[in-house]
Amino acid sequence: MNELSRAQIRDLMAQVLDNQGRSLPDDDAADLREIGFRSLDFSELALRVEDATGDELNFDAPGLRRIATVGDVLDLLVELQHQ
């Protein structure tokens, strides 16, 4: 498995938003609702991480419910790579 850094995941997240004409703010505390990052965007990002690492990420409902900011998404995806 290839592991992605937080910065690499952030770059992938920026690409997902850029493809929709939106941009990723520099602030990891930015609220996902305010930047228009939806569950479908999260799914696309997760698939990109899986493609890049060659490994499947396993999500649980409590983990997904706690994401509200850009930093939360990055933290979760970094954490899931270590499971």
N, C-alpha and C. Protein backbone atom coordinates (compact mmCIF):
# COMPACT_ATOMS: atom_id res chain seq x y z
N MET A 1 0.84 -1.19 0.00
CA MET A 1 0.00 0.00 0.00
C MET A 1 0.88 1.24 0.00
N ASN A 2 0.55 2.19 -0.84
CA ASN A 2 1.20 3.50 -0.84
C ASN A 2 0.37 4.41 0.04
N GLU A 3 1.02 5.09 0.96
CA GLU A 3 0.30 5.98 1.85
C GLU A 3 0.44 7.42 1.36
N LEU A 4 -0.67 8.15 1.40
CA LEU A 4 -0.66 9.56 1.01
C LEU A 4 -0.48 10.44 2.23
N SER A 5 0.25 11.51 2.06
CA SER A 5 0.40 12.49 3.14
C SER A 5 -0.86 13.35 3.22
N ARG A 6 -0.95 14.07 4.30
CA ARG A 6 -2.07 15.01 4.46
C ARG A 6 -2.07 16.02 3.31
N ALA A 7 -0.90 16.50 2.93
CA ALA A 7 -0.79 17.48 1.85
C ALA A 7 -1.26 16.88 0.52
N GLN A 8 -0.93 15.63 0.28
CA GLN A 8 -1.36 14.98 -0.96
C GLN A 8 -2.87 14.80 -0.99
N ILE A 9 -3.46 14.45 0.15
CA ILE A 9 -4.91 14.31 0.22
C ILE A 9 -5.57 15.67 0.03
N ARG A 10 -4.96 16.70 0.59
CA ARG A 10 -5.49 18.06 0.42
C ARG A 10 -5.47 18.45 -1.06
N ASP A 11 -4.41 18.07 -1.76
CA ASP A 11 -4.33 18.35 -3.20
C ASP A 11 -5.45 17.64 -3.95
N LEU A 12 -5.72 16.39 -3.58
CA LEU A 12 -6.81 15.65 -4.23
C LEU A 12 -8.16 16.31 -3.93
N MET A 13 -8.33 16.79 -2.71
CA MET A 13 -9.57 17.47 -2.33
C MET A 13 -9.73 18.75 -3.14
N ALA A 14 -8.63 19.46 -3.34
CA ALA A 14 -8.68 20.68 -4.15
C ALA A 14 -9.06 20.35 -5.59
N GLN A 15 -8.58 19.23 -6.12
CA GLN A 15 -8.92 18.82 -7.48
C GLN A 15 -10.41 18.51 -7.61
N VAL A 16 -10.97 17.84 -6.60
CA VAL A 16 -12.40 17.52 -6.62
C VAL A 16 -13.21 18.81 -6.69
N LEU A 17 -12.87 19.77 -5.87
CA LEU A 17 -13.59 21.04 -5.87
C LEU A 17 -13.34 21.84 -7.15
N ASP A 18 -12.10 21.83 -7.62
CA ASP A 18 -11.74 22.57 -8.82
C ASP A 18 -12.53 22.06 -10.03
N ASN A 19 -12.75 20.76 -10.10
CA ASN A 19 -13.51 20.18 -11.22
C ASN A 19 -14.94 20.71 -11.27
N GLN A 20 -15.41 21.27 -10.16
CA GLN A 20 -16.76 21.80 -10.09
C GLN A 20 -16.77 23.33 -10.04
N GLY A 21 -15.62 23.91 -10.34
CA GLY A 21 -15.54 25.36 -10.37
C GLY A 21 -15.46 26.00 -9.00
N ARG A 22 -15.12 25.23 -8.00
CA ARG A 22 -14.98 25.76 -6.64
C ARG A 22 -13.53 25.62 -6.22
N SER A 23 -13.15 26.33 -5.18
CA SER A 23 -11.77 26.24 -4.71
C SER A 23 -11.72 25.86 -3.23
N LEU A 24 -10.63 25.22 -2.89
CA LEU A 24 -10.42 24.79 -1.51
C LEU A 24 -9.73 25.92 -0.76
N PRO A 25 -10.32 26.39 0.34
CA PRO A 25 -9.68 27.46 1.10
C PRO A 25 -8.41 26.95 1.79
N ASP A 26 -7.52 27.87 2.10
CA ASP A 26 -6.28 27.52 2.79
C ASP A 26 -6.51 27.09 4.23
N ASP A 27 -7.60 27.54 4.80
CA ASP A 27 -7.91 27.30 6.21
C ASP A 27 -8.55 25.92 6.42
N ASP A 28 -7.87 25.05 7.17
CA ASP A 28 -8.42 23.73 7.46
C ASP A 28 -9.66 23.79 8.35
N ALA A 29 -9.92 24.93 8.97
CA ALA A 29 -11.10 25.08 9.81
C ALA A 29 -12.34 25.47 9.00
N ALA A 30 -12.18 25.62 7.69
CA ALA A 30 -13.32 26.01 6.83
C ALA A 30 -14.42 24.96 6.91
N ASP A 31 -15.65 25.43 7.07
CA ASP A 31 -16.82 24.56 7.18
C ASP A 31 -17.16 23.98 5.80
N LEU A 32 -17.37 22.67 5.76
CA LEU A 32 -17.66 21.99 4.50
C LEU A 32 -18.91 22.52 3.84
N ARG A 33 -19.93 22.84 4.62
CA ARG A 33 -21.17 23.37 4.03
C ARG A 33 -20.94 24.71 3.37
N GLU A 34 -20.09 25.53 3.97
CA GLU A 34 -19.83 26.86 3.42
C GLU A 34 -19.07 26.81 2.11
N ILE A 35 -18.24 25.78 1.93
CA ILE A 35 -17.48 25.69 0.67
C ILE A 35 -18.17 24.78 -0.34
N GLY A 36 -19.31 24.22 0.05
CA GLY A 36 -20.08 23.39 -0.87
C GLY A 36 -19.54 21.99 -1.06
N PHE A 37 -18.81 21.49 -0.08
CA PHE A 37 -18.26 20.12 -0.16
C PHE A 37 -19.30 19.16 0.41
N ARG A 38 -19.90 18.36 -0.49
CA ARG A 38 -21.01 17.49 -0.12
C ARG A 38 -20.55 16.05 0.04
N SER A 39 -21.47 15.19 0.42
CA SER A 39 -21.14 13.78 0.62
C SER A 39 -20.67 13.14 -0.68
N LEU A 40 -21.23 13.55 -1.80
CA LEU A 40 -20.79 13.02 -3.09
C LEU A 40 -19.34 13.42 -3.36
N ASP A 41 -18.97 14.63 -2.99
CA ASP A 41 -17.59 15.08 -3.13
C ASP A 41 -16.66 14.25 -2.24
N PHE A 42 -17.13 13.96 -1.02
CA PHE A 42 -16.34 13.13 -0.11
C PHE A 42 -16.13 11.75 -0.72
N SER A 43 -17.18 11.19 -1.31
CA SER A 43 -17.07 9.87 -1.93
C SER A 43 -16.06 9.88 -3.06
N GLU A 44 -16.10 10.93 -3.89
CA GLU A 44 -15.14 11.04 -4.98
C GLU A 44 -13.71 11.14 -4.45
N LEU A 45 -13.54 11.94 -3.40
CA LEU A 45 -12.22 12.09 -2.79
C LEU A 45 -11.74 10.75 -2.23
N ALA A 46 -12.61 10.04 -1.55
CA ALA A 46 -12.24 8.74 -0.98
C ALA A 46 -11.81 7.77 -2.08
N LEU A 47 -12.54 7.77 -3.19
CA LEU A 47 -12.17 6.91 -4.31
C LEU A 47 -10.81 7.29 -4.89
N ARG A 48 -10.54 8.56 -4.95
CA ARG A 48 -9.23 9.01 -5.44
C ARG A 48 -8.12 8.55 -4.51
N VAL A 49 -8.37 8.63 -3.21
CA VAL A 49 -7.37 8.16 -2.23
C VAL A 49 -7.16 6.66 -2.39
N GLU A 50 -8.26 5.92 -2.53
CA GLU A 50 -8.15 4.47 -2.73
C GLU A 50 -7.37 4.14 -3.99
N ASP A 51 -7.65 4.85 -5.07
CA ASP A 51 -6.93 4.62 -6.33
C ASP A 51 -5.43 4.90 -6.16
N ALA A 52 -5.12 5.97 -5.46
CA ALA A 52 -3.72 6.36 -5.29
C ALA A 52 -2.95 5.42 -4.37
N THR A 53 -3.65 4.88 -3.38
CA THR A 53 -2.97 4.01 -2.40
C THR A 53 -3.05 2.54 -2.78
N GLY A 54 -4.02 2.20 -3.62
CA GLY A 54 -4.20 0.80 -3.97
C GLY A 54 -4.83 -0.02 -2.86
N ASP A 55 -5.46 0.67 -1.91
CA ASP A 55 -6.08 -0.01 -0.78
C ASP A 55 -7.47 0.55 -0.53
N GLU A 56 -8.36 -0.29 -0.05
CA GLU A 56 -9.73 0.12 0.25
C GLU A 56 -9.79 0.77 1.62
N LEU A 57 -10.52 1.88 1.71
CA LEU A 57 -10.75 2.54 2.99
C LEU A 57 -12.05 2.02 3.58
N ASN A 58 -12.05 1.76 4.87
CA ASN A 58 -13.25 1.26 5.54
C ASN A 58 -13.80 2.35 6.44
N PHE A 59 -15.01 2.80 6.10
CA PHE A 59 -15.66 3.88 6.84
C PHE A 59 -16.68 3.33 7.81
N ASP A 60 -16.87 4.05 8.91
CA ASP A 60 -17.97 3.73 9.82
C ASP A 60 -18.81 4.98 10.00
N ALA A 61 -20.06 4.80 10.30
CA ALA A 61 -21.00 5.92 10.41
C ALA A 61 -20.55 6.97 11.43
N PRO A 62 -20.11 6.57 12.64
CA PRO A 62 -19.68 7.60 13.60
C PRO A 62 -18.51 8.44 13.07
N GLY A 63 -17.60 7.82 12.36
CA GLY A 63 -16.47 8.56 11.81
C GLY A 63 -16.90 9.59 10.79
N LEU A 64 -17.88 9.21 9.98
CA LEU A 64 -18.37 10.13 8.94
C LEU A 64 -19.19 11.26 9.53
N ARG A 65 -19.91 10.99 10.60
CA ARG A 65 -20.76 12.02 11.21
C ARG A 65 -19.95 13.13 11.86
N ARG A 66 -18.72 12.84 12.20
CA ARG A 66 -17.93 13.85 12.92
C ARG A 66 -17.20 14.82 11.99
N ILE A 67 -17.30 14.62 10.69
CA ILE A 67 -16.58 15.54 9.80
C ILE A 67 -17.44 16.77 9.49
N ALA A 68 -16.86 17.93 9.74
CA ALA A 68 -17.57 19.18 9.51
C ALA A 68 -16.67 20.23 8.85
N THR A 69 -15.37 20.00 8.90
CA THR A 69 -14.42 20.97 8.36
C THR A 69 -13.47 20.28 7.38
N VAL A 70 -12.73 21.10 6.64
CA VAL A 70 -11.71 20.57 5.75
C VAL A 70 -10.72 19.72 6.54
N GLY A 71 -10.29 20.21 7.68
CA GLY A 71 -9.35 19.48 8.52
C GLY A 71 -9.89 18.14 8.99
N ASP A 72 -11.19 18.09 9.29
CA ASP A 72 -11.81 16.82 9.70
C ASP A 72 -11.72 15.78 8.59
N VAL A 73 -11.96 16.20 7.35
CA VAL A 73 -11.87 15.28 6.21
C VAL A 73 -10.44 14.76 6.09
N LEU A 74 -9.48 15.67 6.14
CA LEU A 74 -8.08 15.28 6.01
C LEU A 74 -7.66 14.34 7.14
N ASP A 75 -8.04 14.68 8.37
CA ASP A 75 -7.71 13.83 9.53
C ASP A 75 -8.28 12.43 9.36
N LEU A 76 -9.54 12.35 8.95
CA LEU A 76 -10.20 11.05 8.80
C LEU A 76 -9.51 10.21 7.73
N LEU A 77 -9.21 10.81 6.60
CA LEU A 77 -8.61 10.03 5.50
C LEU A 77 -7.17 9.61 5.83
N VAL A 78 -6.45 10.44 6.56
CA VAL A 78 -5.11 10.03 7.01
C VAL A 78 -5.24 8.88 8.00
N GLU A 79 -6.17 9.01 8.94
CA GLU A 79 -6.40 7.98 9.95
C GLU A 79 -6.81 6.65 9.32
N LEU A 80 -7.69 6.69 8.34
CA LEU A 80 -8.19 5.47 7.71
C LEU A 80 -7.09 4.71 6.96
N GLN A 81 -6.06 5.41 6.53
CA GLN A 81 -4.94 4.75 5.85
C GLN A 81 -4.15 3.89 6.82
N HIS A 82 -4.25 4.18 8.11
CA HIS A 82 -3.48 3.46 9.13
C HIS A 82 -4.24 2.29 9.73
N GLN A 83 -5.41 2.01 9.23
CA GLN A 83 -6.21 0.91 9.79
C GLN A 83 -6.03 -0.35 9.00
